mmCIF file of all heavy atoms, coordinates in Angstrom:
data_MODEL
# 
_entry.id   MODEL 
# 
loop_
_atom_site.group_PDB 
_atom_site.id 
_atom_site.type_symbol 
_atom_site.label_atom_id 
_atom_site.label_alt_id 
_atom_site.label_comp_id 
_atom_site.label_asym_id 
_atom_site.label_entity_id 
_atom_site.label_seq_id 
_atom_site.pdbx_PDB_ins_code 
_atom_site.Cartn_x 
_atom_site.Cartn_y 
_atom_site.Cartn_z 
_atom_site.occupancy 
_atom_site.B_iso_or_equiv 
_atom_site.pdbx_formal_charge 
_atom_site.auth_seq_id 
_atom_site.auth_comp_id 
_atom_site.auth_asym_id 
_atom_site.auth_atom_id 
_atom_site.pdbx_PDB_model_num 
ATOM 1   N N   . MET A 1 1  ? -85.140  66.909 -83.330 1.00 0.00 ? 1  MET A N   1 
ATOM 2   C CA  . MET A 1 1  ? -85.151  65.468 -83.239 1.00 0.00 ? 1  MET A CA  1 
ATOM 3   C C   . MET A 1 1  ? -85.591  65.019 -81.830 1.00 0.00 ? 1  MET A C   1 
ATOM 4   O O   . MET A 1 1  ? -86.343  64.044 -81.691 1.00 0.00 ? 1  MET A O   1 
ATOM 5   C CB  . MET A 1 1  ? -83.783  64.857 -83.582 1.00 0.00 ? 1  MET A CB  1 
ATOM 6   C CG  . MET A 1 1  ? -83.529  64.859 -85.084 1.00 0.00 ? 1  MET A CG  1 
ATOM 7   S SD  . MET A 1 1  ? -82.060  63.846 -85.550 1.00 0.00 ? 1  MET A SD  1 
ATOM 8   C CE  . MET A 1 1  ? -80.753  64.779 -84.861 1.00 0.00 ? 1  MET A CE  1 
ATOM 9   N N   . LEU A 1 2  ? -85.113  65.749 -80.808 1.00 0.00 ? 2  LEU A N   1 
ATOM 10  C CA  . LEU A 1 2  ? -85.520  65.485 -79.479 1.00 0.00 ? 2  LEU A CA  1 
ATOM 11  C C   . LEU A 1 2  ? -86.991  65.782 -79.264 1.00 0.00 ? 2  LEU A C   1 
ATOM 12  O O   . LEU A 1 2  ? -87.750  65.069 -78.584 1.00 0.00 ? 2  LEU A O   1 
ATOM 13  C CB  . LEU A 1 2  ? -84.656  66.306 -78.435 1.00 0.00 ? 2  LEU A CB  1 
ATOM 14  C CG  . LEU A 1 2  ? -85.047  66.229 -76.984 1.00 0.00 ? 2  LEU A CG  1 
ATOM 15  C CD1 . LEU A 1 2  ? -84.971  64.812 -76.454 1.00 0.00 ? 2  LEU A CD1 1 
ATOM 16  C CD2 . LEU A 1 2  ? -84.077  67.100 -76.183 1.00 0.00 ? 2  LEU A CD2 1 
ATOM 17  N N   . ALA A 1 3  ? -87.542  66.836 -79.932 1.00 0.00 ? 3  ALA A N   1 
ATOM 18  C CA  . ALA A 1 3  ? -88.918  67.228 -79.763 1.00 0.00 ? 3  ALA A CA  1 
ATOM 19  C C   . ALA A 1 3  ? -89.805  66.328 -80.565 1.00 0.00 ? 3  ALA A C   1 
ATOM 20  O O   . ALA A 1 3  ? -91.092  66.327 -80.351 1.00 0.00 ? 3  ALA A O   1 
ATOM 21  C CB  . ALA A 1 3  ? -89.046  68.667 -80.208 1.00 0.00 ? 3  ALA A CB  1 
ATOM 22  N N   . GLY A 1 4  ? -89.348  65.583 -81.530 1.00 0.00 ? 4  GLY A N   1 
ATOM 23  C CA  . GLY A 1 4  ? -90.154  64.743 -82.401 1.00 0.00 ? 4  GLY A CA  1 
ATOM 24  C C   . GLY A 1 4  ? -90.638  65.393 -83.610 1.00 0.00 ? 4  GLY A C   1 
ATOM 25  O O   . GLY A 1 4  ? -91.527  64.961 -84.311 1.00 0.00 ? 4  GLY A O   1 
ATOM 26  N N   . LEU A 1 5  ? -90.046  66.565 -83.901 1.00 0.00 ? 5  LEU A N   1 
ATOM 27  C CA  . LEU A 1 5  ? -90.391  67.356 -85.112 1.00 0.00 ? 5  LEU A CA  1 
ATOM 28  C C   . LEU A 1 5  ? -89.525  66.963 -86.362 1.00 0.00 ? 5  LEU A C   1 
ATOM 29  O O   . LEU A 1 5  ? -89.789  67.470 -87.450 1.00 0.00 ? 5  LEU A O   1 
ATOM 30  C CB  . LEU A 1 5  ? -90.301  68.882 -84.809 1.00 0.00 ? 5  LEU A CB  1 
ATOM 31  C CG  . LEU A 1 5  ? -91.172  69.332 -83.640 1.00 0.00 ? 5  LEU A CG  1 
ATOM 32  C CD1 . LEU A 1 5  ? -90.914  70.817 -83.389 1.00 0.00 ? 5  LEU A CD1 1 
ATOM 33  C CD2 . LEU A 1 5  ? -92.648  69.075 -83.912 1.00 0.00 ? 5  LEU A CD2 1 
ATOM 34  N N   . GLU A 1 6  ? -88.506  66.255 -86.171 1.00 0.00 ? 6  GLU A N   1 
ATOM 35  C CA  . GLU A 1 6  ? -87.632  65.751 -87.188 1.00 0.00 ? 6  GLU A CA  1 
ATOM 36  C C   . GLU A 1 6  ? -87.403  64.247 -86.956 1.00 0.00 ? 6  GLU A C   1 
ATOM 37  O O   . GLU A 1 6  ? -87.174  63.805 -85.811 1.00 0.00 ? 6  GLU A O   1 
ATOM 38  C CB  . GLU A 1 6  ? -86.278  66.429 -87.195 1.00 0.00 ? 6  GLU A CB  1 
ATOM 39  C CG  . GLU A 1 6  ? -86.226  67.885 -87.628 1.00 0.00 ? 6  GLU A CG  1 
ATOM 40  C CD  . GLU A 1 6  ? -86.392  68.001 -89.175 1.00 0.00 ? 6  GLU A CD  1 
ATOM 41  O OE1 . GLU A 1 6  ? -86.291  66.951 -89.898 1.00 0.00 ? 6  GLU A OE1 1 
ATOM 42  O OE2 . GLU A 1 6  ? -86.519  69.149 -89.703 1.00 0.00 ? 6  GLU A OE2 1 
ATOM 43  N N   . PRO A 1 7  ? -87.381  63.401 -88.006 1.00 0.00 ? 7  PRO A N   1 
ATOM 44  C CA  . PRO A 1 7  ? -87.157  61.991 -87.793 1.00 0.00 ? 7  PRO A CA  1 
ATOM 45  C C   . PRO A 1 7  ? -85.693  61.786 -87.542 1.00 0.00 ? 7  PRO A C   1 
ATOM 46  O O   . PRO A 1 7  ? -84.768  62.527 -87.831 1.00 0.00 ? 7  PRO A O   1 
ATOM 47  C CB  . PRO A 1 7  ? -87.520  61.387 -89.140 1.00 0.00 ? 7  PRO A CB  1 
ATOM 48  C CG  . PRO A 1 7  ? -87.376  62.534 -90.173 1.00 0.00 ? 7  PRO A CG  1 
ATOM 49  C CD  . PRO A 1 7  ? -87.693  63.790 -89.429 1.00 0.00 ? 7  PRO A CD  1 
ATOM 50  N N   . VAL A 1 8  ? -85.384  60.652 -86.856 1.00 0.00 ? 8  VAL A N   1 
ATOM 51  C CA  . VAL A 1 8  ? -84.061  60.204 -86.583 1.00 0.00 ? 8  VAL A CA  1 
ATOM 52  C C   . VAL A 1 8  ? -83.703  59.117 -87.581 1.00 0.00 ? 8  VAL A C   1 
ATOM 53  O O   . VAL A 1 8  ? -84.306  58.058 -87.627 1.00 0.00 ? 8  VAL A O   1 
ATOM 54  C CB  . VAL A 1 8  ? -83.933  59.631 -85.108 1.00 0.00 ? 8  VAL A CB  1 
ATOM 55  C CG1 . VAL A 1 8  ? -82.483  59.090 -84.849 1.00 0.00 ? 8  VAL A CG1 1 
ATOM 56  C CG2 . VAL A 1 8  ? -84.168  60.781 -84.154 1.00 0.00 ? 8  VAL A CG2 1 
ATOM 57  N N   . ASP A 1 9  ? -82.705  59.375 -88.448 1.00 0.00 ? 9  ASP A N   1 
ATOM 58  C CA  . ASP A 1 9  ? -82.364  58.414 -89.496 1.00 0.00 ? 9  ASP A CA  1 
ATOM 59  C C   . ASP A 1 9  ? -81.401  57.347 -89.011 1.00 0.00 ? 9  ASP A C   1 
ATOM 60  O O   . ASP A 1 9  ? -81.479  56.153 -89.483 1.00 0.00 ? 9  ASP A O   1 
ATOM 61  C CB  . ASP A 1 9  ? -81.729  59.158 -90.642 1.00 0.00 ? 9  ASP A CB  1 
ATOM 62  C CG  . ASP A 1 9  ? -82.732  60.150 -91.349 1.00 0.00 ? 9  ASP A CG  1 
ATOM 63  O OD1 . ASP A 1 9  ? -83.835  59.671 -91.686 1.00 0.00 ? 9  ASP A OD1 1 
ATOM 64  O OD2 . ASP A 1 9  ? -82.392  61.296 -91.453 1.00 0.00 ? 9  ASP A OD2 1 
ATOM 65  N N   . GLU A 1 10 ? -80.596  57.701 -88.017 1.00 0.00 ? 10 GLU A N   1 
ATOM 66  C CA  . GLU A 1 10 ? -79.667  56.654 -87.432 1.00 0.00 ? 10 GLU A CA  1 
ATOM 67  C C   . GLU A 1 10 ? -79.487  56.965 -85.962 1.00 0.00 ? 10 GLU A C   1 
ATOM 68  O O   . GLU A 1 10 ? -79.602  58.122 -85.598 1.00 0.00 ? 10 GLU A O   1 
ATOM 69  C CB  . GLU A 1 10 ? -78.248  56.767 -88.098 1.00 0.00 ? 10 GLU A CB  1 
ATOM 70  C CG  . GLU A 1 10 ? -78.244  56.448 -89.571 1.00 0.00 ? 10 GLU A CG  1 
ATOM 71  C CD  . GLU A 1 10 ? -76.887  56.704 -90.270 1.00 0.00 ? 10 GLU A CD  1 
ATOM 72  O OE1 . GLU A 1 10 ? -75.995  57.310 -89.590 1.00 0.00 ? 10 GLU A OE1 1 
ATOM 73  O OE2 . GLU A 1 10 ? -76.731  56.395 -91.475 1.00 0.00 ? 10 GLU A OE2 1 
ATOM 74  N N   . GLY A 1 11 ? -79.226  55.937 -85.140 1.00 0.00 ? 11 GLY A N   1 
ATOM 75  C CA  . GLY A 1 11 ? -78.989  56.098 -83.751 1.00 0.00 ? 11 GLY A CA  1 
ATOM 76  C C   . GLY A 1 11 ? -80.373  56.186 -82.972 1.00 0.00 ? 11 GLY A C   1 
ATOM 77  O O   . GLY A 1 11 ? -81.437  55.769 -83.479 1.00 0.00 ? 11 GLY A O   1 
ATOM 78  N N   . ASP A 1 12 ? -80.258  56.618 -81.754 1.00 0.00 ? 12 ASP A N   1 
ATOM 79  C CA  . ASP A 1 12 ? -81.413  56.652 -80.824 1.00 0.00 ? 12 ASP A CA  1 
ATOM 80  C C   . ASP A 1 12 ? -81.397  57.923 -79.970 1.00 0.00 ? 12 ASP A C   1 
ATOM 81  O O   . ASP A 1 12 ? -80.311  58.449 -79.661 1.00 0.00 ? 12 ASP A O   1 
ATOM 82  C CB  . ASP A 1 12 ? -81.356  55.458 -79.921 1.00 0.00 ? 12 ASP A CB  1 
ATOM 83  C CG  . ASP A 1 12 ? -82.724  55.063 -79.411 1.00 0.00 ? 12 ASP A CG  1 
ATOM 84  O OD1 . ASP A 1 12 ? -83.661  55.697 -79.705 1.00 0.00 ? 12 ASP A OD1 1 
ATOM 85  O OD2 . ASP A 1 12 ? -82.805  54.020 -78.728 1.00 0.00 ? 12 ASP A OD2 1 
ATOM 86  N N   . VAL A 1 13 ? -82.603  58.344 -79.598 1.00 0.00 ? 13 VAL A N   1 
ATOM 87  C CA  . VAL A 1 13 ? -82.775  59.461 -78.664 1.00 0.00 ? 13 VAL A CA  1 
ATOM 88  C C   . VAL A 1 13 ? -83.589  58.891 -77.479 1.00 0.00 ? 13 VAL A C   1 
ATOM 89  O O   . VAL A 1 13 ? -84.651  58.277 -77.712 1.00 0.00 ? 13 VAL A O   1 
ATOM 90  C CB  . VAL A 1 13 ? -83.516  60.668 -79.314 1.00 0.00 ? 13 VAL A CB  1 
ATOM 91  C CG1 . VAL A 1 13 ? -83.753  61.753 -78.346 1.00 0.00 ? 13 VAL A CG1 1 
ATOM 92  C CG2 . VAL A 1 13 ? -82.735  61.167 -80.478 1.00 0.00 ? 13 VAL A CG2 1 
ATOM 93  N N   . LEU A 1 14 ? -83.087  59.113 -76.295 1.00 0.00 ? 14 LEU A N   1 
ATOM 94  C CA  . LEU A 1 14 ? -83.726  58.630 -75.106 1.00 0.00 ? 14 LEU A CA  1 
ATOM 95  C C   . LEU A 1 14 ? -83.954  59.673 -74.038 1.00 0.00 ? 14 LEU A C   1 
ATOM 96  O O   . LEU A 1 14 ? -83.139  60.614 -73.898 1.00 0.00 ? 14 LEU A O   1 
ATOM 97  C CB  . LEU A 1 14 ? -82.799  57.510 -74.460 1.00 0.00 ? 14 LEU A CB  1 
ATOM 98  C CG  . LEU A 1 14 ? -82.359  56.314 -75.336 1.00 0.00 ? 14 LEU A CG  1 
ATOM 99  C CD1 . LEU A 1 14 ? -80.989  56.554 -75.946 1.00 0.00 ? 14 LEU A CD1 1 
ATOM 100 C CD2 . LEU A 1 14 ? -82.341  55.014 -74.581 1.00 0.00 ? 14 LEU A CD2 1 
ATOM 101 N N   . ILE A 1 15 ? -85.100  59.572 -73.393 1.00 0.00 ? 15 ILE A N   1 
ATOM 102 C CA  . ILE A 1 15 ? -85.450  60.427 -72.241 1.00 0.00 ? 15 ILE A CA  1 
ATOM 103 C C   . ILE A 1 15 ? -85.637  59.528 -71.055 1.00 0.00 ? 15 ILE A C   1 
ATOM 104 O O   . ILE A 1 15 ? -86.458  58.575 -71.093 1.00 0.00 ? 15 ILE A O   1 
ATOM 105 C CB  . ILE A 1 15 ? -86.728  61.248 -72.503 1.00 0.00 ? 15 ILE A CB  1 
ATOM 106 C CG1 . ILE A 1 15 ? -86.535  62.220 -73.716 1.00 0.00 ? 15 ILE A CG1 1 
ATOM 107 C CG2 . ILE A 1 15 ? -87.098  62.054 -71.256 1.00 0.00 ? 15 ILE A CG2 1 
ATOM 108 C CD1 . ILE A 1 15 ? -87.701  63.014 -73.997 1.00 0.00 ? 15 ILE A CD1 1 
ATOM 109 N N   . ASP A 1 16 ? -84.734  59.680 -70.048 1.00 0.00 ? 16 ASP A N   1 
ATOM 110 C CA  . ASP A 1 16 ? -84.795  58.819 -68.887 1.00 0.00 ? 16 ASP A CA  1 
ATOM 111 C C   . ASP A 1 16 ? -84.579  57.400 -69.265 1.00 0.00 ? 16 ASP A C   1 
ATOM 112 O O   . ASP A 1 16 ? -85.180  56.494 -68.704 1.00 0.00 ? 16 ASP A O   1 
ATOM 113 C CB  . ASP A 1 16 ? -86.093  58.972 -68.087 1.00 0.00 ? 16 ASP A CB  1 
ATOM 114 C CG  . ASP A 1 16 ? -85.993  60.023 -67.002 1.00 0.00 ? 16 ASP A CG  1 
ATOM 115 O OD1 . ASP A 1 16 ? -84.874  60.411 -66.608 1.00 0.00 ? 16 ASP A OD1 1 
ATOM 116 O OD2 . ASP A 1 16 ? -87.047  60.375 -66.423 1.00 0.00 ? 16 ASP A OD2 1 
ATOM 117 N N   . GLY A 1 17 ? -83.617  57.197 -70.247 1.00 0.00 ? 17 GLY A N   1 
ATOM 118 C CA  . GLY A 1 17 ? -83.308  55.888 -70.605 1.00 0.00 ? 17 GLY A CA  1 
ATOM 119 C C   . GLY A 1 17 ? -84.274  55.158 -71.487 1.00 0.00 ? 17 GLY A C   1 
ATOM 120 O O   . GLY A 1 17 ? -84.058  53.990 -71.977 1.00 0.00 ? 17 GLY A O   1 
ATOM 121 N N   . ARG A 1 18 ? -85.376  55.880 -71.891 1.00 0.00 ? 18 ARG A N   1 
ATOM 122 C CA  . ARG A 1 18 ? -86.401  55.230 -72.749 1.00 0.00 ? 18 ARG A CA  1 
ATOM 123 C C   . ARG A 1 18 ? -86.371  55.870 -74.120 1.00 0.00 ? 18 ARG A C   1 
ATOM 124 O O   . ARG A 1 18 ? -86.358  57.084 -74.287 1.00 0.00 ? 18 ARG A O   1 
ATOM 125 C CB  . ARG A 1 18 ? -87.753  55.451 -72.159 1.00 0.00 ? 18 ARG A CB  1 
ATOM 126 C CG  . ARG A 1 18 ? -88.974  54.973 -72.976 1.00 0.00 ? 18 ARG A CG  1 
ATOM 127 C CD  . ARG A 1 18 ? -90.249  55.489 -72.448 1.00 0.00 ? 18 ARG A CD  1 
ATOM 128 N NE  . ARG A 1 18 ? -91.386  55.142 -73.292 1.00 0.00 ? 18 ARG A NE  1 
ATOM 129 C CZ  . ARG A 1 18 ? -92.500  55.746 -73.385 1.00 0.00 ? 18 ARG A CZ  1 
ATOM 130 N NH1 . ARG A 1 18 ? -92.720  56.787 -72.580 1.00 0.00 ? 18 ARG A NH1 1 
ATOM 131 N NH2 . ARG A 1 18 ? -93.498  55.421 -74.180 1.00 0.00 ? 18 ARG A NH2 1 
ATOM 132 N N   . SER A 1 19 ? -86.330  55.077 -75.133 1.00 0.00 ? 19 SER A N   1 
ATOM 133 C CA  . SER A 1 19 ? -86.272  55.610 -76.508 1.00 0.00 ? 19 SER A CA  1 
ATOM 134 C C   . SER A 1 19 ? -87.537  56.314 -76.853 1.00 0.00 ? 19 SER A C   1 
ATOM 135 O O   . SER A 1 19 ? -88.676  55.788 -76.537 1.00 0.00 ? 19 SER A O   1 
ATOM 136 C CB  . SER A 1 19 ? -86.031  54.423 -77.528 1.00 0.00 ? 19 SER A CB  1 
ATOM 137 O OG  . SER A 1 19 ? -86.068  54.928 -78.833 1.00 0.00 ? 19 SER A OG  1 
ATOM 138 N N   . VAL A 1 20 ? -87.463  57.476 -77.457 1.00 0.00 ? 20 VAL A N   1 
ATOM 139 C CA  . VAL A 1 20 ? -88.519  58.235 -77.876 1.00 0.00 ? 20 VAL A CA  1 
ATOM 140 C C   . VAL A 1 20 ? -88.647  58.348 -79.371 1.00 0.00 ? 20 VAL A C   1 
ATOM 141 O O   . VAL A 1 20 ? -89.590  58.980 -79.882 1.00 0.00 ? 20 VAL A O   1 
ATOM 142 C CB  . VAL A 1 20 ? -88.632  59.596 -77.252 1.00 0.00 ? 20 VAL A CB  1 
ATOM 143 C CG1 . VAL A 1 20 ? -88.660  59.599 -75.715 1.00 0.00 ? 20 VAL A CG1 1 
ATOM 144 C CG2 . VAL A 1 20 ? -87.292  60.430 -77.696 1.00 0.00 ? 20 VAL A CG2 1 
ATOM 145 N N   . VAL A 1 21 ? -87.811  57.671 -80.089 1.00 0.00 ? 21 VAL A N   1 
ATOM 146 C CA  . VAL A 1 21 ? -87.878  57.616 -81.509 1.00 0.00 ? 21 VAL A CA  1 
ATOM 147 C C   . VAL A 1 21 ? -89.161  56.955 -81.990 1.00 0.00 ? 21 VAL A C   1 
ATOM 148 O O   . VAL A 1 21 ? -89.450  55.801 -81.519 1.00 0.00 ? 21 VAL A O   1 
ATOM 149 C CB  . VAL A 1 21 ? -86.628  56.836 -82.088 1.00 0.00 ? 21 VAL A CB  1 
ATOM 150 C CG1 . VAL A 1 21 ? -86.866  56.693 -83.666 1.00 0.00 ? 21 VAL A CG1 1 
ATOM 151 C CG2 . VAL A 1 21 ? -85.352  57.570 -81.844 1.00 0.00 ? 21 VAL A CG2 1 
ATOM 152 N N   . GLY A 1 22 ? -89.917  57.594 -82.769 1.00 0.00 ? 22 GLY A N   1 
ATOM 153 C CA  . GLY A 1 22 ? -91.223  57.071 -83.264 1.00 0.00 ? 22 GLY A CA  1 
ATOM 154 C C   . GLY A 1 22 ? -92.405  57.551 -82.355 1.00 0.00 ? 22 GLY A C   1 
ATOM 155 O O   . GLY A 1 22 ? -93.542  57.513 -82.805 1.00 0.00 ? 22 GLY A O   1 
ATOM 156 N N   . LEU A 1 23 ? -92.138  58.132 -81.191 1.00 0.00 ? 23 LEU A N   1 
ATOM 157 C CA  . LEU A 1 23 ? -93.132  58.686 -80.297 1.00 0.00 ? 23 LEU A CA  1 
ATOM 158 C C   . LEU A 1 23 ? -93.616  60.013 -80.890 1.00 0.00 ? 23 LEU A C   1 
ATOM 159 O O   . LEU A 1 23 ? -92.809  60.838 -81.365 1.00 0.00 ? 23 LEU A O   1 
ATOM 160 C CB  . LEU A 1 23 ? -92.748  58.859 -78.968 1.00 0.00 ? 23 LEU A CB  1 
ATOM 161 C CG  . LEU A 1 23 ? -92.696  57.690 -77.964 1.00 0.00 ? 23 LEU A CG  1 
ATOM 162 C CD1 . LEU A 1 23 ? -92.295  58.186 -76.558 1.00 0.00 ? 23 LEU A CD1 1 
ATOM 163 C CD2 . LEU A 1 23 ? -94.018  56.982 -77.912 1.00 0.00 ? 23 LEU A CD2 1 
ATOM 164 N N   . ALA A 1 24 ? -94.937  60.286 -80.823 1.00 0.00 ? 24 ALA A N   1 
ATOM 165 C CA  . ALA A 1 24 ? -95.458  61.664 -81.218 1.00 0.00 ? 24 ALA A CA  1 
ATOM 166 C C   . ALA A 1 24 ? -94.916  62.732 -80.287 1.00 0.00 ? 24 ALA A C   1 
ATOM 167 O O   . ALA A 1 24 ? -94.628  62.420 -79.064 1.00 0.00 ? 24 ALA A O   1 
ATOM 168 C CB  . ALA A 1 24 ? -96.976  61.610 -81.249 1.00 0.00 ? 24 ALA A CB  1 
ATOM 169 N N   . PRO A 1 25 ? -94.686  63.953 -80.724 1.00 0.00 ? 25 PRO A N   1 
ATOM 170 C CA  . PRO A 1 25 ? -94.312  64.994 -79.861 1.00 0.00 ? 25 PRO A CA  1 
ATOM 171 C C   . PRO A 1 25 ? -95.034  65.148 -78.584 1.00 0.00 ? 25 PRO A C   1 
ATOM 172 O O   . PRO A 1 25 ? -94.443  65.310 -77.483 1.00 0.00 ? 25 PRO A O   1 
ATOM 173 C CB  . PRO A 1 25 ? -94.400  66.265 -80.729 1.00 0.00 ? 25 PRO A CB  1 
ATOM 174 C CG  . PRO A 1 25 ? -94.297  65.698 -82.171 1.00 0.00 ? 25 PRO A CG  1 
ATOM 175 C CD  . PRO A 1 25 ? -94.928  64.475 -82.152 1.00 0.00 ? 25 PRO A CD  1 
ATOM 176 N N   . ARG A 1 26 ? -96.294  65.021 -78.621 1.00 0.00 ? 26 ARG A N   1 
ATOM 177 C CA  . ARG A 1 26 ? -97.175  65.171 -77.427 1.00 0.00 ? 26 ARG A CA  1 
ATOM 178 C C   . ARG A 1 26 ? -96.922  64.099 -76.392 1.00 0.00 ? 26 ARG A C   1 
ATOM 179 O O   . ARG A 1 26 ? -97.319  64.163 -75.273 1.00 0.00 ? 26 ARG A O   1 
ATOM 180 C CB  . ARG A 1 26 ? -98.670  65.305 -77.817 1.00 0.00 ? 26 ARG A CB  1 
ATOM 181 C CG  . ARG A 1 26 ? -99.191  64.000 -78.419 1.00 0.00 ? 26 ARG A CG  1 
ATOM 182 C CD  . ARG A 1 26 ? -100.683 64.150 -78.741 1.00 0.00 ? 26 ARG A CD  1 
ATOM 183 N NE  . ARG A 1 26 ? -101.203 62.859 -79.312 1.00 0.00 ? 26 ARG A NE  1 
ATOM 184 C CZ  . ARG A 1 26 ? -101.220 62.704 -80.674 1.00 0.00 ? 26 ARG A CZ  1 
ATOM 185 N NH1 . ARG A 1 26 ? -100.612 63.555 -81.398 1.00 0.00 ? 26 ARG A NH1 1 
ATOM 186 N NH2 . ARG A 1 26 ? -101.706 61.602 -81.187 1.00 0.00 ? 26 ARG A NH2 1 
ATOM 187 N N   . ALA A 1 27 ? -96.382  62.941 -76.838 1.00 0.00 ? 27 ALA A N   1 
ATOM 188 C CA  . ALA A 1 27 ? -96.181  61.805 -75.937 1.00 0.00 ? 27 ALA A CA  1 
ATOM 189 C C   . ALA A 1 27 ? -94.836  61.866 -75.227 1.00 0.00 ? 27 ALA A C   1 
ATOM 190 O O   . ALA A 1 27 ? -94.486  61.021 -74.432 1.00 0.00 ? 27 ALA A O   1 
ATOM 191 C CB  . ALA A 1 27 ? -96.334  60.554 -76.694 1.00 0.00 ? 27 ALA A CB  1 
ATOM 192 N N   . ARG A 1 28 ? -94.017  62.866 -75.548 1.00 0.00 ? 28 ARG A N   1 
ATOM 193 C CA  . ARG A 1 28 ? -92.634  62.918 -75.029 1.00 0.00 ? 28 ARG A CA  1 
ATOM 194 C C   . ARG A 1 28 ? -92.455  63.749 -73.790 1.00 0.00 ? 28 ARG A C   1 
ATOM 195 O O   . ARG A 1 28 ? -91.425  63.809 -73.162 1.00 0.00 ? 28 ARG A O   1 
ATOM 196 C CB  . ARG A 1 28 ? -91.715  63.503 -76.122 1.00 0.00 ? 28 ARG A CB  1 
ATOM 197 C CG  . ARG A 1 28 ? -91.679  62.702 -77.370 1.00 0.00 ? 28 ARG A CG  1 
ATOM 198 C CD  . ARG A 1 28 ? -90.632  63.138 -78.414 1.00 0.00 ? 28 ARG A CD  1 
ATOM 199 N NE  . ARG A 1 28 ? -90.654  62.287 -79.574 1.00 0.00 ? 28 ARG A NE  1 
ATOM 200 C CZ  . ARG A 1 28 ? -89.726  62.113 -80.414 1.00 0.00 ? 28 ARG A CZ  1 
ATOM 201 N NH1 . ARG A 1 28 ? -88.513  62.706 -80.219 1.00 0.00 ? 28 ARG A NH1 1 
ATOM 202 N NH2 . ARG A 1 28 ? -89.807  61.365 -81.472 1.00 0.00 ? 28 ARG A NH2 1 
# 
């Protein structure tokens, strides 16, 4: 889910305080 290879169904994943949910793996 952190890598972007699995969708996040609930909640949020953030890198440096920025949500990466919906971002392509290469953009993370």
